């Protein structure tokens, strides 16, 4: 449960910065990446790193990130998204486990649900990819829009007909396109 996973990620980021010379990596080119709940952790880690001010990030690369517990309690859920793979029921269970309280409750930390952050300024350039049928579609779109309004460079991709986890369907054309887009964005971020 929160905050354990995030603090583990922060400890790994601190170690990576501390050991950068020995690992022969440029600490100015360290970024975070994650898919689904891992994307939520990556987004939360970017917020935490910004707020603690100890370890800079060059980018955040978020693949259908799970960033808003309030999706579980939306009075107007998307009529088509979330029917496949990651359903509203799975989402409610996942958030309940992470938060240790019902999703949508008052007082949820933005370090647990990044979409709850009120200030997104100062975050690193961001890549967000999601599917048009992914349960996280609307929360990801809203987060991208808020990042843009905060002055954060954002590259956003929404893949038509794609559901949560679609990239694992390796032979599908949309999966191949998403993979190429993701690798190209990573290559640009690592320049």
N, C-alpha and C. Protein backbone atom coordinates (compact mmCIF):
# COMPACT_ATOMS: atom_id res chain seq x y z
N UNK A 1 0.82 -1.20 0.00
CA UNK A 1 0.00 0.00 0.00
C UNK A 1 0.86 1.27 0.00
N UNK A 2 0.29 2.35 -0.46
CA UNK A 2 0.94 3.66 -0.46
C UNK A 2 1.35 4.02 0.96
N UNK A 3 2.52 4.59 1.17
CA UNK A 3 3.49 5.12 0.22
C UNK A 3 4.64 4.17 -0.11
N UNK A 4 4.58 2.94 0.33
CA UNK A 4 5.69 2.00 0.13
C UNK A 4 6.21 1.92 -1.29
N UNK A 5 5.35 1.65 -2.29
CA UNK A 5 5.85 1.53 -3.65
C UNK A 5 6.55 2.79 -4.16
N UNK A 6 5.99 3.96 -3.84
CA UNK A 6 6.58 5.21 -4.30
C UNK A 6 7.93 5.46 -3.62
N UNK A 7 8.01 5.18 -2.33
CA UNK A 7 9.30 5.38 -1.64
C UNK A 7 10.35 4.40 -2.16
N UNK A 8 9.94 3.18 -2.54
CA UNK A 8 10.88 2.24 -3.17
C UNK A 8 11.40 2.83 -4.48
N UNK A 9 10.51 3.39 -5.28
CA UNK A 9 10.92 4.01 -6.56
C UNK A 9 11.86 5.18 -6.31
N UNK A 10 11.55 5.99 -5.31
CA UNK A 10 12.41 7.13 -5.01
C UNK A 10 13.79 6.67 -4.55
N UNK A 11 13.83 5.61 -3.75
CA UNK A 11 15.13 5.07 -3.31
C UNK A 11 15.95 4.59 -4.50
N UNK A 12 15.30 3.96 -5.48
CA UNK A 12 16.02 3.52 -6.68
C UNK A 12 16.52 4.72 -7.48
N UNK A 13 15.71 5.76 -7.59
CA UNK A 13 16.13 6.97 -8.29
C UNK A 13 17.32 7.62 -7.58
N UNK A 14 17.28 7.70 -6.27
CA UNK A 14 18.39 8.27 -5.50
C UNK A 14 19.66 7.44 -5.71
N UNK A 15 19.53 6.11 -5.68
CA UNK A 15 20.68 5.24 -5.90
C UNK A 15 21.26 5.47 -7.29
N UNK A 16 20.40 5.56 -8.30
CA UNK A 16 20.85 5.75 -9.68
C UNK A 16 21.62 7.06 -9.81
N UNK A 17 21.13 8.12 -9.20
CA UNK A 17 21.85 9.40 -9.24
C UNK A 17 23.18 9.29 -8.49
N UNK A 18 23.15 8.65 -7.35
CA UNK A 18 24.36 8.52 -6.54
C UNK A 18 25.43 7.69 -7.25
N UNK A 19 25.03 6.68 -7.97
CA UNK A 19 25.96 5.76 -8.64
C UNK A 19 26.17 6.07 -10.12
N UNK A 20 25.69 7.22 -10.58
CA UNK A 20 25.73 7.54 -12.01
C UNK A 20 27.15 7.45 -12.59
N UNK A 21 28.13 8.00 -11.90
CA UNK A 21 29.49 7.99 -12.44
C UNK A 21 30.00 6.55 -12.59
N UNK A 22 29.81 5.74 -11.57
CA UNK A 22 30.25 4.35 -11.64
C UNK A 22 29.52 3.54 -12.69
N UNK A 23 28.28 3.90 -12.96
CA UNK A 23 27.49 3.21 -13.98
C UNK A 23 27.70 3.79 -15.37
N UNK A 24 28.50 4.89 -15.41
CA UNK A 24 28.80 5.57 -16.68
C UNK A 24 27.53 6.07 -17.37
N UNK A 25 26.66 6.68 -16.57
CA UNK A 25 25.46 7.30 -17.14
C UNK A 25 25.45 8.78 -16.79
N UNK A 26 24.79 9.55 -17.62
CA UNK A 26 24.68 10.98 -17.43
C UNK A 26 23.47 11.26 -16.53
N UNK A 27 23.68 11.77 -15.32
CA UNK A 27 22.54 12.01 -14.42
C UNK A 27 21.56 13.05 -14.96
N UNK A 28 21.98 13.84 -15.94
CA UNK A 28 21.07 14.82 -16.53
C UNK A 28 20.14 14.18 -17.56
N UNK A 29 20.33 12.88 -17.84
CA UNK A 29 19.50 12.20 -18.83
C UNK A 29 18.71 11.05 -18.22
N UNK A 30 18.47 11.09 -16.93
CA UNK A 30 17.69 10.07 -16.26
C UNK A 30 16.21 10.44 -16.33
N UNK A 31 15.40 9.48 -16.74
CA UNK A 31 13.96 9.69 -16.79
C UNK A 31 13.25 8.52 -16.13
N UNK A 32 11.94 8.60 -16.12
CA UNK A 32 11.12 7.52 -15.55
C UNK A 32 10.14 7.05 -16.62
N UNK A 33 9.80 5.78 -16.54
CA UNK A 33 8.86 5.19 -17.48
C UNK A 33 8.04 4.14 -16.76
N UNK A 34 6.79 4.01 -17.15
CA UNK A 34 5.96 2.97 -16.60
C UNK A 34 4.69 2.79 -17.41
N UNK A 35 4.12 1.59 -17.28
CA UNK A 35 2.86 1.26 -17.93
C UNK A 35 1.82 0.96 -16.87
N UNK A 36 0.60 1.43 -17.08
CA UNK A 36 -0.54 1.15 -16.22
C UNK A 36 -0.25 1.64 -14.80
N UNK A 37 -0.30 0.76 -13.81
CA UNK A 37 0.01 1.18 -12.44
C UNK A 37 1.45 1.67 -12.35
N UNK A 38 2.33 1.08 -13.15
CA UNK A 38 3.71 1.55 -13.20
C UNK A 38 3.80 2.96 -13.77
N UNK A 39 2.91 3.29 -14.71
CA UNK A 39 2.84 4.65 -15.22
C UNK A 39 2.37 5.62 -14.14
N UNK A 40 1.45 5.15 -13.29
CA UNK A 40 1.02 5.96 -12.16
C UNK A 40 2.16 6.20 -11.19
N UNK A 41 2.95 5.16 -10.95
CA UNK A 41 4.12 5.32 -10.07
C UNK A 41 5.14 6.27 -10.69
N UNK A 42 5.36 6.16 -12.00
CA UNK A 42 6.31 7.04 -12.67
C UNK A 42 5.86 8.50 -12.57
N UNK A 43 4.56 8.75 -12.80
CA UNK A 43 4.03 10.11 -12.70
C UNK A 43 4.15 10.64 -11.27
N UNK A 44 3.84 9.80 -10.30
CA UNK A 44 3.96 10.21 -8.90
C UNK A 44 5.42 10.45 -8.52
N UNK A 45 6.32 9.63 -9.05
CA UNK A 45 7.75 9.81 -8.78
C UNK A 45 8.24 11.13 -9.36
N UNK A 46 7.75 11.50 -10.54
CA UNK A 46 8.14 12.78 -11.12
C UNK A 46 7.70 13.93 -10.21
N UNK A 47 6.48 13.84 -9.66
CA UNK A 47 6.01 14.86 -8.72
C UNK A 47 6.88 14.90 -7.46
N UNK A 48 7.15 13.72 -6.91
CA UNK A 48 7.93 13.65 -5.68
C UNK A 48 9.36 14.16 -5.89
N UNK A 49 9.97 13.79 -7.01
CA UNK A 49 11.33 14.25 -7.30
C UNK A 49 11.35 15.77 -7.46
N UNK A 50 10.36 16.31 -8.15
CA UNK A 50 10.28 17.77 -8.30
C UNK A 50 10.15 18.43 -6.93
N UNK A 51 9.27 17.91 -6.09
CA UNK A 51 8.98 18.55 -4.81
C UNK A 51 10.11 18.40 -3.80
N UNK A 52 10.80 17.27 -3.82
CA UNK A 52 11.93 17.11 -2.90
C UNK A 52 13.17 17.84 -3.39
N UNK A 53 13.27 18.05 -4.70
CA UNK A 53 14.36 18.84 -5.26
C UNK A 53 15.74 18.23 -5.16
N UNK A 54 15.84 16.94 -4.95
CA UNK A 54 17.15 16.29 -4.80
C UNK A 54 17.66 15.65 -6.08
N UNK A 55 16.77 15.16 -6.92
CA UNK A 55 17.15 14.40 -8.11
C UNK A 55 16.29 14.83 -9.29
N UNK A 56 16.93 15.48 -10.24
CA UNK A 56 16.20 15.96 -11.41
C UNK A 56 15.89 14.82 -12.37
N UNK A 57 14.77 14.94 -13.06
CA UNK A 57 14.40 13.99 -14.10
C UNK A 57 14.39 14.71 -15.45
N UNK A 58 14.85 13.99 -16.48
CA UNK A 58 14.89 14.56 -17.82
C UNK A 58 13.57 14.38 -18.55
N UNK A 59 12.80 13.35 -18.20
CA UNK A 59 11.54 13.09 -18.88
C UNK A 59 10.71 12.10 -18.07
N UNK A 60 9.43 12.04 -18.42
CA UNK A 60 8.56 10.97 -17.92
C UNK A 60 7.84 10.38 -19.13
N UNK A 61 7.81 9.06 -19.17
CA UNK A 61 7.29 8.31 -20.32
C UNK A 61 6.19 7.40 -19.77
N UNK A 62 4.94 7.78 -20.02
CA UNK A 62 3.80 7.14 -19.38
C UNK A 62 2.94 6.42 -20.41
N UNK A 63 2.81 5.12 -20.25
CA UNK A 63 1.99 4.30 -21.14
C UNK A 63 0.71 3.94 -20.39
N UNK A 64 -0.41 4.36 -20.93
CA UNK A 64 -1.74 4.21 -20.31
C UNK A 64 -1.66 4.24 -18.78
N UNK A 65 -1.17 5.39 -18.25
CA UNK A 65 -0.95 5.45 -16.80
C UNK A 65 -2.24 5.47 -15.98
N UNK A 66 -2.20 4.79 -14.87
CA UNK A 66 -3.29 4.74 -13.88
C UNK A 66 -3.02 5.84 -12.87
N UNK A 67 -3.65 7.00 -13.04
CA UNK A 67 -3.26 8.18 -12.26
C UNK A 67 -4.39 8.84 -11.48
N UNK A 68 -5.62 8.34 -11.63
CA UNK A 68 -6.73 9.03 -10.95
C UNK A 68 -7.72 8.03 -10.36
N UNK A 69 -7.72 7.94 -9.04
CA UNK A 69 -8.64 7.04 -8.33
C UNK A 69 -10.09 7.46 -8.50
N UNK A 70 -10.32 8.71 -8.84
CA UNK A 70 -11.69 9.21 -8.95
C UNK A 70 -12.42 8.63 -10.16
N UNK A 71 -11.68 8.03 -11.10
CA UNK A 71 -12.32 7.35 -12.22
C UNK A 71 -13.25 6.25 -11.70
N UNK A 72 -12.91 5.66 -10.58
CA UNK A 72 -13.72 4.59 -9.98
C UNK A 72 -15.10 5.05 -9.56
N UNK A 73 -15.24 6.31 -9.25
CA UNK A 73 -16.50 6.82 -8.70
C UNK A 73 -17.13 7.88 -9.59
N UNK A 74 -16.71 7.95 -10.84
CA UNK A 74 -17.25 8.95 -11.75
C UNK A 74 -18.75 8.76 -11.92
N UNK A 75 -19.51 9.84 -11.79
CA UNK A 75 -20.96 9.73 -11.98
C UNK A 75 -21.33 9.54 -13.47
N UNK A 76 -20.37 9.81 -14.36
CA UNK A 76 -20.62 9.70 -15.79
C UNK A 76 -19.48 8.93 -16.45
N UNK A 77 -19.38 7.61 -16.19
CA UNK A 77 -18.28 6.85 -16.77
C UNK A 77 -18.37 6.79 -18.29
N UNK A 78 -17.22 6.66 -18.91
CA UNK A 78 -17.16 6.55 -20.37
C UNK A 78 -17.98 5.34 -20.80
N UNK A 79 -18.84 5.48 -21.81
CA UNK A 79 -19.73 4.37 -22.17
C UNK A 79 -19.05 3.19 -22.86
N UNK A 80 -17.84 3.38 -23.37
CA UNK A 80 -17.19 2.29 -24.11
C UNK A 80 -15.83 1.89 -23.54
N UNK A 81 -15.15 2.79 -22.90
CA UNK A 81 -13.81 2.50 -22.39
C UNK A 81 -13.88 1.58 -21.18
N UNK A 82 -12.89 0.73 -21.05
CA UNK A 82 -12.79 -0.13 -19.87
C UNK A 82 -13.57 -1.42 -19.92
N UNK A 83 -13.96 -1.84 -21.11
CA UNK A 83 -14.69 -3.10 -21.22
C UNK A 83 -13.75 -4.30 -21.31
N UNK A 84 -12.50 -4.06 -21.67
CA UNK A 84 -11.57 -5.15 -21.92
C UNK A 84 -10.34 -5.03 -21.03
N UNK A 85 -9.85 -6.14 -20.57
CA UNK A 85 -8.61 -6.31 -19.80
C UNK A 85 -8.71 -5.65 -18.43
N UNK A 86 -8.65 -4.31 -18.36
CA UNK A 86 -8.72 -3.61 -17.07
C UNK A 86 -10.10 -2.96 -16.99
N UNK A 87 -10.96 -3.56 -16.20
CA UNK A 87 -12.36 -3.14 -16.11
C UNK A 87 -12.57 -2.20 -14.92
N UNK A 88 -13.72 -1.56 -14.82
CA UNK A 88 -14.00 -0.73 -13.65
C UNK A 88 -13.88 -1.50 -12.33
N UNK A 89 -14.29 -2.77 -12.33
CA UNK A 89 -14.19 -3.56 -11.10
C UNK A 89 -12.72 -3.79 -10.71
N UNK A 90 -11.89 -4.12 -11.69
CA UNK A 90 -10.47 -4.31 -11.41
C UNK A 90 -9.84 -3.01 -10.94
N UNK A 91 -10.23 -1.90 -11.55
CA UNK A 91 -9.70 -0.60 -11.18
C UNK A 91 -10.05 -0.26 -9.72
N UNK A 92 -11.29 -0.50 -9.35
CA UNK A 92 -11.72 -0.23 -7.97
C UNK A 92 -10.91 -1.07 -6.99
N UNK A 93 -10.71 -2.34 -7.31
CA UNK A 93 -9.93 -3.22 -6.45
C UNK A 93 -8.47 -2.74 -6.34
N UNK A 94 -7.89 -2.39 -7.50
CA UNK A 94 -6.49 -1.93 -7.51
C UNK A 94 -6.28 -0.69 -6.68
N UNK A 95 -7.16 0.31 -6.87
CA UNK A 95 -7.03 1.53 -6.10
C UNK A 95 -7.29 1.30 -4.61
N UNK A 96 -8.25 0.45 -4.29
CA UNK A 96 -8.52 0.14 -2.87
C UNK A 96 -7.29 -0.47 -2.21
N UNK A 97 -6.61 -1.34 -2.93
CA UNK A 97 -5.41 -1.97 -2.38
C UNK A 97 -4.30 -0.95 -2.17
N UNK A 98 -4.08 -0.09 -3.16
CA UNK A 98 -3.02 0.91 -3.04
C UNK A 98 -3.31 1.92 -1.95
N UNK A 99 -4.54 2.43 -1.93
CA UNK A 99 -4.87 3.52 -1.01
C UNK A 99 -5.18 3.06 0.41
N UNK A 100 -5.67 1.82 0.55
CA UNK A 100 -6.09 1.37 1.87
C UNK A 100 -7.38 2.05 2.33
N UNK A 101 -8.10 2.62 1.41
CA UNK A 101 -9.38 3.28 1.66
C UNK A 101 -10.14 3.29 0.34
N UNK A 102 -11.41 3.61 0.38
CA UNK A 102 -12.18 3.61 -0.87
C UNK A 102 -11.66 4.65 -1.87
N UNK A 103 -11.54 4.28 -3.14
CA UNK A 103 -11.15 5.27 -4.15
C UNK A 103 -12.17 6.41 -4.19
N UNK A 104 -11.66 7.59 -4.50
CA UNK A 104 -12.53 8.76 -4.58
C UNK A 104 -12.73 9.46 -3.25
N UNK A 105 -12.13 8.93 -2.20
CA UNK A 105 -12.26 9.55 -0.87
C UNK A 105 -11.51 10.88 -0.83
N UNK A 106 -11.90 11.71 0.12
CA UNK A 106 -11.18 12.96 0.33
C UNK A 106 -9.79 12.67 0.88
N UNK A 107 -8.86 13.56 0.61
CA UNK A 107 -7.54 13.49 1.20
C UNK A 107 -6.58 12.53 0.56
N UNK A 108 -6.87 12.02 -0.63
CA UNK A 108 -5.92 11.12 -1.31
C UNK A 108 -4.73 11.95 -1.78
N UNK A 109 -3.55 11.49 -1.45
CA UNK A 109 -2.32 12.20 -1.80
C UNK A 109 -2.07 12.20 -3.30
N UNK A 110 -1.59 13.32 -3.85
CA UNK A 110 -1.21 13.32 -5.26
C UNK A 110 -0.01 12.41 -5.54
N UNK A 111 0.70 12.03 -4.48
CA UNK A 111 1.80 11.08 -4.67
C UNK A 111 1.28 9.65 -4.78
N UNK A 112 0.01 9.46 -4.48
CA UNK A 112 -0.65 8.17 -4.72
C UNK A 112 -1.41 8.20 -6.03
N UNK A 113 -2.06 9.32 -6.32
CA UNK A 113 -2.86 9.50 -7.53
C UNK A 113 -2.43 10.83 -8.16
N UNK A 114 -1.50 10.76 -9.10
CA UNK A 114 -0.87 11.97 -9.65
C UNK A 114 -1.87 12.98 -10.20
N UNK A 115 -3.01 12.52 -10.71
CA UNK A 115 -4.00 13.44 -11.25
C UNK A 115 -4.57 14.36 -10.19
N UNK A 116 -4.36 14.05 -8.93
CA UNK A 116 -4.86 14.90 -7.84
C UNK A 116 -3.92 16.07 -7.55
N UNK A 117 -2.75 16.10 -8.16
CA UNK A 117 -1.82 17.21 -7.93
C UNK A 117 -2.44 18.50 -8.44
N UNK A 118 -2.34 19.55 -7.66
CA UNK A 118 -2.90 20.84 -8.07
C UNK A 118 -1.91 21.64 -8.90
N UNK A 119 -0.62 21.39 -8.75
CA UNK A 119 0.41 22.13 -9.47
C UNK A 119 1.25 21.14 -10.27
N UNK A 120 1.20 21.24 -11.59
CA UNK A 120 1.98 20.35 -12.46
C UNK A 120 3.16 21.09 -13.09
N UNK A 121 3.37 22.33 -12.71
CA UNK A 121 4.49 23.08 -13.28
C UNK A 121 5.82 22.48 -12.83
N UNK A 122 6.82 22.67 -13.65
CA UNK A 122 8.15 22.20 -13.30
C UNK A 122 8.38 20.72 -13.50
N UNK A 123 7.41 20.01 -14.05
CA UNK A 123 7.61 18.59 -14.32
C UNK A 123 8.37 18.44 -15.64
N UNK A 124 9.03 17.31 -15.82
CA UNK A 124 9.83 17.14 -17.03
C UNK A 124 8.95 16.89 -18.26
N UNK A 125 9.52 17.06 -19.45
CA UNK A 125 8.78 16.74 -20.67
C UNK A 125 8.16 15.35 -20.56
N UNK A 126 6.95 15.22 -21.12
CA UNK A 126 6.14 14.03 -20.88
C UNK A 126 5.62 13.42 -22.16
N UNK A 127 5.72 12.10 -22.23
CA UNK A 127 5.12 11.30 -23.30
C UNK A 127 3.98 10.52 -22.65
N UNK A 128 2.79 10.61 -23.23
CA UNK A 128 1.65 9.83 -22.74
C UNK A 128 1.03 9.11 -23.93
N UNK A 129 0.84 7.81 -23.79
CA UNK A 129 0.17 7.00 -24.81
C UNK A 129 -0.95 6.23 -24.13
N UNK A 130 -2.09 6.18 -24.80
CA UNK A 130 -3.22 5.43 -24.28
C UNK A 130 -4.08 4.96 -25.45
N UNK A 131 -5.01 4.10 -25.17
CA UNK A 131 -5.91 3.61 -26.20
C UNK A 131 -7.28 4.26 -26.09
N UNK A 132 -7.99 4.32 -27.20
CA UNK A 132 -9.31 4.95 -27.20
C UNK A 132 -10.35 4.15 -26.43
N UNK A 133 -10.04 2.86 -26.16
CA UNK A 133 -10.96 2.02 -25.38
C UNK A 133 -10.41 1.70 -23.98
N UNK A 134 -9.30 2.33 -23.63
CA UNK A 134 -8.68 2.10 -22.33
C UNK A 134 -9.49 2.80 -21.24
N UNK A 135 -9.70 2.15 -20.13
CA UNK A 135 -10.43 2.74 -19.01
C UNK A 135 -9.79 4.07 -18.58
N UNK A 136 -8.48 4.20 -18.76
CA UNK A 136 -7.76 5.40 -18.32
C UNK A 136 -7.76 6.53 -19.36
N UNK A 137 -8.43 6.34 -20.47
CA UNK A 137 -8.42 7.33 -21.55
C UNK A 137 -8.70 8.74 -21.05
N UNK A 138 -9.82 8.95 -20.40
CA UNK A 138 -10.22 10.31 -20.03
C UNK A 138 -9.30 10.90 -18.95
N UNK A 139 -8.85 10.10 -18.00
CA UNK A 139 -7.94 10.65 -16.99
C UNK A 139 -6.59 10.99 -17.61
N UNK A 140 -6.15 10.20 -18.59
CA UNK A 140 -4.87 10.48 -19.26
C UNK A 140 -4.96 11.73 -20.12
N UNK A 141 -6.08 11.89 -20.83
CA UNK A 141 -6.29 13.10 -21.64
C UNK A 141 -6.32 14.35 -20.75
N UNK A 142 -7.04 14.26 -19.65
CA UNK A 142 -7.14 15.40 -18.73
C UNK A 142 -5.78 15.76 -18.14
N UNK A 143 -4.99 14.73 -17.81
CA UNK A 143 -3.66 14.98 -17.24
C UNK A 143 -2.76 15.65 -18.28
N UNK A 144 -2.81 15.17 -19.51
CA UNK A 144 -2.01 15.77 -20.58
C UNK A 144 -2.39 17.24 -20.76
N UNK A 145 -3.67 17.51 -20.76
CA UNK A 145 -4.13 18.89 -20.92
C UNK A 145 -3.64 19.77 -19.77
N UNK A 146 -3.72 19.26 -18.57
CA UNK A 146 -3.27 20.04 -17.41
C UNK A 146 -1.76 20.26 -17.45
N UNK A 147 -1.00 19.24 -17.89
CA UNK A 147 0.45 19.42 -18.04
C UNK A 147 0.75 20.53 -19.05
N UNK A 148 0.05 20.50 -20.18
CA UNK A 148 0.26 21.53 -21.20
C UNK A 148 -0.05 22.91 -20.66
N UNK A 149 -1.13 23.04 -19.90
CA UNK A 149 -1.50 24.34 -19.32
C UNK A 149 -0.49 24.80 -18.28
N UNK A 150 0.28 23.86 -17.73
CA UNK A 150 1.32 24.20 -16.75
C UNK A 150 2.67 24.48 -17.43
N UNK A 151 2.67 24.42 -18.77
CA UNK A 151 3.90 24.73 -19.50
C UNK A 151 4.83 23.54 -19.69
N UNK A 152 4.34 22.34 -19.45
CA UNK A 152 5.15 21.13 -19.61
C UNK A 152 5.01 20.63 -21.05
N UNK A 153 6.12 20.41 -21.76
CA UNK A 153 6.02 19.84 -23.10
C UNK A 153 5.43 18.42 -23.02
N UNK A 154 4.42 18.16 -23.85
CA UNK A 154 3.73 16.87 -23.83
C UNK A 154 3.60 16.34 -25.24
N UNK A 155 3.91 15.07 -25.39
CA UNK A 155 3.61 14.33 -26.61
C UNK A 155 2.54 13.32 -26.24
N UNK A 156 1.37 13.44 -26.85
CA UNK A 156 0.22 12.60 -26.51
C UNK A 156 -0.19 11.78 -27.71
N UNK A 157 -0.40 10.48 -27.47
CA UNK A 157 -0.89 9.58 -28.51
C UNK A 157 -2.11 8.83 -27.98
N UNK A 158 -3.18 8.83 -28.78
CA UNK A 158 -4.36 8.03 -28.48
C UNK A 158 -4.55 7.09 -29.67
N UNK A 159 -4.49 5.79 -29.39
CA UNK A 159 -4.54 4.79 -30.45
C UNK A 159 -5.97 4.28 -30.63
N UNK A 160 -6.53 4.47 -31.84
CA UNK A 160 -7.90 4.06 -32.11
C UNK A 160 -8.12 2.56 -31.90
N UNK A 161 -9.21 2.23 -31.23
CA UNK A 161 -9.59 0.83 -31.03
C UNK A 161 -8.72 0.07 -30.06
N UNK A 162 -7.79 0.75 -29.40
CA UNK A 162 -6.85 0.08 -28.50
C UNK A 162 -7.41 0.06 -27.07
N UNK A 163 -7.28 -1.09 -26.44
CA UNK A 163 -7.74 -1.28 -25.06
C UNK A 163 -6.52 -1.36 -24.14
N UNK A 164 -6.75 -1.47 -22.85
CA UNK A 164 -5.66 -1.50 -21.89
C UNK A 164 -4.76 -2.71 -22.14
N UNK A 165 -3.46 -2.47 -22.21
CA UNK A 165 -2.51 -3.54 -22.45
C UNK A 165 -2.36 -3.93 -23.91
N UNK A 166 -2.91 -3.13 -24.82
CA UNK A 166 -2.91 -3.49 -26.24
C UNK A 166 -1.52 -3.70 -26.80
N UNK A 167 -0.52 -3.08 -26.23
CA UNK A 167 0.84 -3.21 -26.78
C UNK A 167 1.38 -4.63 -26.69
N UNK A 168 0.77 -5.45 -25.88
CA UNK A 168 1.24 -6.83 -25.75
C UNK A 168 0.72 -7.70 -26.89
N UNK A 169 -0.16 -7.15 -27.72
CA UNK A 169 -0.64 -7.86 -28.91
C UNK A 169 0.35 -7.54 -30.03
N UNK A 170 1.51 -8.15 -29.97
CA UNK A 170 2.67 -7.76 -30.78
C UNK A 170 2.43 -7.74 -32.28
N UNK A 171 1.55 -8.56 -32.79
CA UNK A 171 1.34 -8.62 -34.23
C UNK A 171 0.34 -7.61 -34.74
N UNK A 172 -0.41 -6.98 -33.85
CA UNK A 172 -1.41 -6.00 -34.27
C UNK A 172 -0.71 -4.74 -34.78
N UNK A 173 -1.22 -4.20 -35.86
CA UNK A 173 -0.61 -3.01 -36.45
C UNK A 173 -0.57 -1.84 -35.46
N UNK A 174 -1.66 -1.65 -34.69
CA UNK A 174 -1.70 -0.56 -33.73
C UNK A 174 -0.62 -0.75 -32.65
N UNK A 175 -0.34 -1.97 -32.28
CA UNK A 175 0.71 -2.24 -31.29
C UNK A 175 2.08 -1.92 -31.85
N UNK A 176 2.30 -2.29 -33.10
CA UNK A 176 3.57 -1.99 -33.73
C UNK A 176 3.77 -0.48 -33.88
N UNK A 177 2.71 0.23 -34.24
CA UNK A 177 2.78 1.69 -34.35
C UNK A 177 3.09 2.31 -32.99
N UNK A 178 2.40 1.85 -31.96
CA UNK A 178 2.62 2.39 -30.61
C UNK A 178 4.05 2.11 -30.15
N UNK A 179 4.56 0.93 -30.45
CA UNK A 179 5.94 0.60 -30.08
C UNK A 179 6.94 1.52 -30.78
N UNK A 180 6.73 1.77 -32.05
CA UNK A 180 7.62 2.69 -32.79
C UNK A 180 7.55 4.09 -32.20
N UNK A 181 6.33 4.55 -31.92
CA UNK A 181 6.18 5.89 -31.34
C UNK A 181 6.88 6.00 -29.99
N UNK A 182 6.73 4.97 -29.17
CA UNK A 182 7.34 4.95 -27.84
C UNK A 182 8.87 4.97 -27.94
N UNK A 183 9.41 4.11 -28.79
CA UNK A 183 10.88 4.07 -28.95
C UNK A 183 11.41 5.38 -29.50
N UNK A 184 10.70 5.98 -30.46
CA UNK A 184 11.14 7.26 -31.02
C UNK A 184 11.14 8.35 -29.96
N UNK A 185 10.11 8.38 -29.12
CA UNK A 185 10.04 9.38 -28.05
C UNK A 185 11.17 9.17 -27.05
N UNK A 186 11.46 7.93 -26.72
CA UNK A 186 12.58 7.65 -25.81
C UNK A 186 13.91 8.09 -26.42
N UNK A 187 14.09 7.83 -27.69
CA UNK A 187 15.34 8.23 -28.36
C UNK A 187 15.49 9.75 -28.31
N UNK A 188 14.40 10.49 -28.56
CA UNK A 188 14.48 11.95 -28.49
C UNK A 188 14.76 12.42 -27.08
N UNK A 189 14.17 11.80 -26.10
CA UNK A 189 14.37 12.20 -24.71
C UNK A 189 15.79 11.94 -24.23
N UNK A 190 16.43 10.93 -24.82
CA UNK A 190 17.77 10.54 -24.37
C UNK A 190 18.89 11.28 -25.11
N UNK A 191 18.55 12.17 -26.04
CA UNK A 191 19.58 12.91 -26.77
C UNK A 191 20.38 13.78 -25.82
